[in-house]
Amino acid sequence: MFLDISKLEVETVRHEYTFSPADVGFDYKGYELADAFCLNVEVTKNSRQEVLIKGTIAGPVRVFCDRCLEPFVLAINPSFQIAMIPARTAGTETEDEIEADRLDENVYTDPRISLTDLMTEQIILNLPAKMLCQHDCQGICARCGANLNQGACACTATESDPRWLLLREMQKRMKK
């Protein structure tokens, strides 16, 4: 689905779209959209063909917990703001550094903006850095791989990792 800037009048318009998981084709780290996503946008176009897109997206994403590796559904509902500036007015000088007040600007040459790409980008940008199925997730046992959220594993506490054996022997020698 596309938003055609060339067909917009100089005004503010509001649109609401609903995307099914099949419409978006979301593919990021094995995550997938769990259900339909709703995209609400307010598009403002000025006489210089600059477009400001403000909006929100809402929907569930099926992700994997970083501690226990179990899949779970994460609901996201971020808001965003994107400025679209036509390429001819973006400036011809080369810049080594982008100014802080221009970080949310995008230059466009094609007047058609893909709403599915915009939504996919916003979903990825608003995923948390650490995915946790619950705040106090216990993770998995380092030895047997059992999910510690489901109960204690069968490993004994006295078993030790053989990689530490040399250090333990050195510690015993130093105590003597």
Protein backbone atom coordinates (compact mmCIF):
# COMPACT_ATOMS: atom_id res chain seq x y z
CA MET A 1 0.00 0.00 0.00
CA PHE A 2 1.35 3.41 -0.98
CA LEU A 3 0.77 7.02 -0.03
CA ASP A 4 1.12 9.21 -3.13
CA ILE A 5 2.46 12.62 -2.11
CA SER A 6 1.87 14.11 -5.56
CA LYS A 7 -1.89 13.57 -5.19
CA LEU A 8 -2.11 15.25 -1.77
CA GLU A 9 -3.35 18.81 -1.45
CA VAL A 10 -1.59 21.38 0.72
CA GLU A 11 -3.40 20.43 3.91
CA THR A 12 -3.52 17.88 6.72
CA VAL A 13 -5.31 14.59 6.18
CA ARG A 14 -5.80 11.62 8.48
CA HIS A 15 -5.79 7.99 7.41
CA GLU A 16 -6.28 4.71 9.22
CA TYR A 17 -5.06 1.44 7.75
CA THR A 18 -5.19 -2.14 8.96
CA PHE A 19 -2.54 -4.57 7.77
CA SER A 20 -2.73 -8.34 8.10
CA PRO A 21 0.52 -10.26 8.68
CA ALA A 22 0.37 -11.46 5.05
CA ASP A 23 0.17 -7.85 3.78
CA VAL A 24 3.34 -6.77 5.53
CA GLY A 25 5.72 -9.70 4.99
CA PHE A 26 7.55 -8.89 8.22
CA ASP A 27 10.86 -10.74 8.51
CA TYR A 28 13.26 -9.71 11.25
CA LYS A 29 15.32 -12.10 13.41
CA GLY A 30 12.70 -14.83 13.00
CA TYR A 31 10.02 -12.64 14.60
CA GLU A 32 6.61 -12.42 12.97
CA LEU A 33 3.45 -10.40 13.28
CA ALA A 34 1.03 -12.28 15.53
CA ASP A 35 -2.11 -10.50 14.30
CA ALA A 36 -3.27 -7.46 12.34
CA PHE A 37 -1.56 -4.11 12.86
CA CYS A 38 -3.31 -0.77 12.84
CA LEU A 39 -1.55 2.26 11.35
CA ASN A 40 -2.98 5.73 12.07
CA VAL A 41 -1.28 8.62 10.28
CA GLU A 42 -1.73 12.35 10.01
CA VAL A 43 -0.11 13.63 6.82
CA THR A 44 0.61 17.34 6.42
CA LYS A 45 1.87 18.69 3.10
CA ASN A 46 3.12 22.26 2.64
CA SER A 47 3.56 24.36 -0.50
CA ARG A 48 7.24 23.34 -0.82
CA GLN A 49 6.16 19.68 -1.24
CA GLU A 50 7.53 18.84 2.21
CA VAL A 51 5.48 16.24 4.03
CA LEU A 52 5.25 15.60 7.75
CA ILE A 53 3.90 12.19 8.74
CA LYS A 54 2.84 11.73 12.36
CA GLY A 55 1.30 8.52 13.51
CA THR A 56 0.98 5.49 15.68
CA ILE A 57 1.13 1.78 15.02
CA ALA A 58 -0.39 -0.85 17.24
CA GLY A 59 -0.29 -4.61 17.16
CA PRO A 60 1.31 -7.81 18.46
CA VAL A 61 4.67 -9.27 17.41
CA ARG A 62 5.64 -12.88 18.13
CA VAL A 63 9.21 -12.82 19.45
CA PHE A 64 11.58 -15.08 21.42
CA CYS A 65 12.74 -14.50 24.98
CA ASP A 66 16.46 -13.78 25.20
CA ARG A 67 16.78 -15.76 28.46
CA CYS A 68 14.59 -18.85 28.09
CA LEU A 69 14.23 -18.87 24.27
CA GLU A 70 10.46 -19.42 24.51
CA PRO A 71 8.21 -17.60 22.03
CA PHE A 72 5.83 -14.97 23.38
CA VAL A 73 3.67 -12.16 22.02
CA LEU A 74 4.82 -8.59 22.57
CA ALA A 75 2.29 -5.78 22.06
CA ILE A 76 3.76 -2.58 20.71
CA ASN A 77 2.12 0.82 20.31
CA PRO A 78 4.73 3.46 19.42
CA SER A 79 4.16 6.89 17.98
CA PHE A 80 6.43 8.36 15.33
CA GLN A 81 7.09 11.49 13.30
CA ILE A 82 8.84 11.55 9.92
CA ALA A 83 9.62 14.55 7.72
CA MET A 84 9.82 13.85 4.00
CA ILE A 85 11.68 16.46 1.91
CA PRO A 86 11.84 16.38 -1.89
CA ALA A 87 15.35 15.71 -3.24
CA ARG A 88 15.59 18.98 -5.15
CA THR A 89 15.27 21.08 -1.95
CA ALA A 90 17.28 18.80 0.31
CA GLY A 91 20.51 20.69 -0.42
CA THR A 92 23.31 20.05 -2.84
CA GLU A 93 26.21 20.53 -0.45
CA THR A 94 27.81 17.45 1.01
CA GLU A 95 27.64 17.18 4.75
CA ASP A 96 29.98 15.20 6.92
CA GLU A 97 27.73 15.46 9.94
CA ILE A 98 23.96 15.53 10.22
CA GLU A 99 22.62 18.21 12.50
CA ALA A 100 20.61 16.99 15.49
CA ASP A 101 17.45 18.81 14.42
CA ARG A 102 17.50 17.06 11.01
CA LEU A 103 17.73 13.44 12.20
CA ASP A 104 14.05 12.74 11.51
CA GLU A 105 14.15 14.04 7.91
CA ASN A 106 14.08 11.76 4.89
CA VAL A 107 14.72 12.79 1.31
CA TYR A 108 12.40 11.39 -1.33
CA THR A 109 12.64 11.25 -5.10
CA ASP A 110 9.63 8.98 -5.70
CA PRO A 111 6.41 10.66 -4.54
CA ARG A 112 4.98 7.27 -3.54
CA ILE A 113 5.76 6.27 0.04
CA SER A 114 5.34 2.61 0.93
CA LEU A 115 3.23 2.42 4.07
CA THR A 116 4.18 -1.21 4.66
CA ASP A 117 7.89 -0.26 4.59
CA LEU A 118 7.21 2.66 6.91
CA MET A 119 5.33 0.43 9.32
CA THR A 120 7.97 -2.33 9.22
CA GLU A 121 10.69 0.23 9.93
CA GLN A 122 8.80 1.63 12.91
CA ILE A 123 8.12 -1.84 14.34
CA ILE A 124 11.82 -2.74 14.17
CA LEU A 125 12.93 0.61 15.61
CA ASN A 126 10.55 0.22 18.55
CA LEU A 127 11.35 -3.36 19.55
CA PRO A 128 13.13 -3.52 22.92
CA ALA A 129 16.85 -4.30 22.90
CA LYS A 130 16.32 -7.20 25.32
CA MET A 131 13.27 -9.43 24.82
CA LEU A 132 11.99 -10.89 28.07
CA CYS A 133 8.85 -13.03 28.34
CA GLN A 134 8.44 -11.81 31.93
CA HIS A 135 10.38 -9.39 34.09
CA ASP A 136 11.76 -12.13 36.35
CA CYS A 137 12.49 -14.76 33.67
CA GLN A 138 14.90 -17.36 35.09
CA GLY A 139 16.26 -18.44 31.70
CA ILE A 140 17.65 -21.89 30.98
CA CYS A 141 20.09 -24.11 32.86
CA ALA A 142 23.61 -23.72 31.50
CA ARG A 143 24.21 -27.46 31.83
CA CYS A 144 21.09 -29.29 30.72
CA GLY A 145 19.13 -26.53 28.93
CA ALA A 146 15.98 -26.95 31.05
CA ASN A 147 13.65 -23.96 31.24
CA LEU A 148 14.06 -22.75 34.84
CA ASN A 149 10.70 -20.91 34.69
CA GLN A 150 9.02 -24.33 34.69
CA GLY A 151 10.86 -25.54 37.79
CA ALA A 152 14.28 -26.62 38.95
CA CYS A 153 16.37 -28.80 36.69
CA ALA A 154 17.83 -32.22 37.50
CA CYS A 155 21.43 -30.94 37.69
CA THR A 156 23.08 -31.14 41.10
CA ALA A 157 24.60 -28.06 42.64
CA THR A 158 27.84 -29.90 43.40
CA GLU A 159 28.57 -30.63 39.77
CA SER A 160 31.15 -28.18 38.53
CA ASP A 161 32.18 -27.00 35.14
CA PRO A 162 35.37 -28.83 34.08
CA ARG A 163 36.72 -25.61 32.58
CA TRP A 164 37.29 -24.27 36.12
CA LEU A 165 39.18 -27.36 37.32
CA LEU A 166 42.66 -25.92 36.68
CA LEU A 167 41.84 -22.73 38.57
CA ARG A 168 40.49 -24.71 41.53
CA GLU A 169 43.70 -26.75 41.69
CA MET A 170 45.76 -23.56 41.61
CA GLN A 171 43.63 -22.10 44.39
CA LYS A 172 44.20 -25.20 46.56
CA ARG A 173 47.99 -24.99 46.01
CA MET A 174 48.03 -21.30 46.98
CA LYS A 175 46.22 -22.03 50.26
CA LYS A 176 48.88 -24.63 51.25
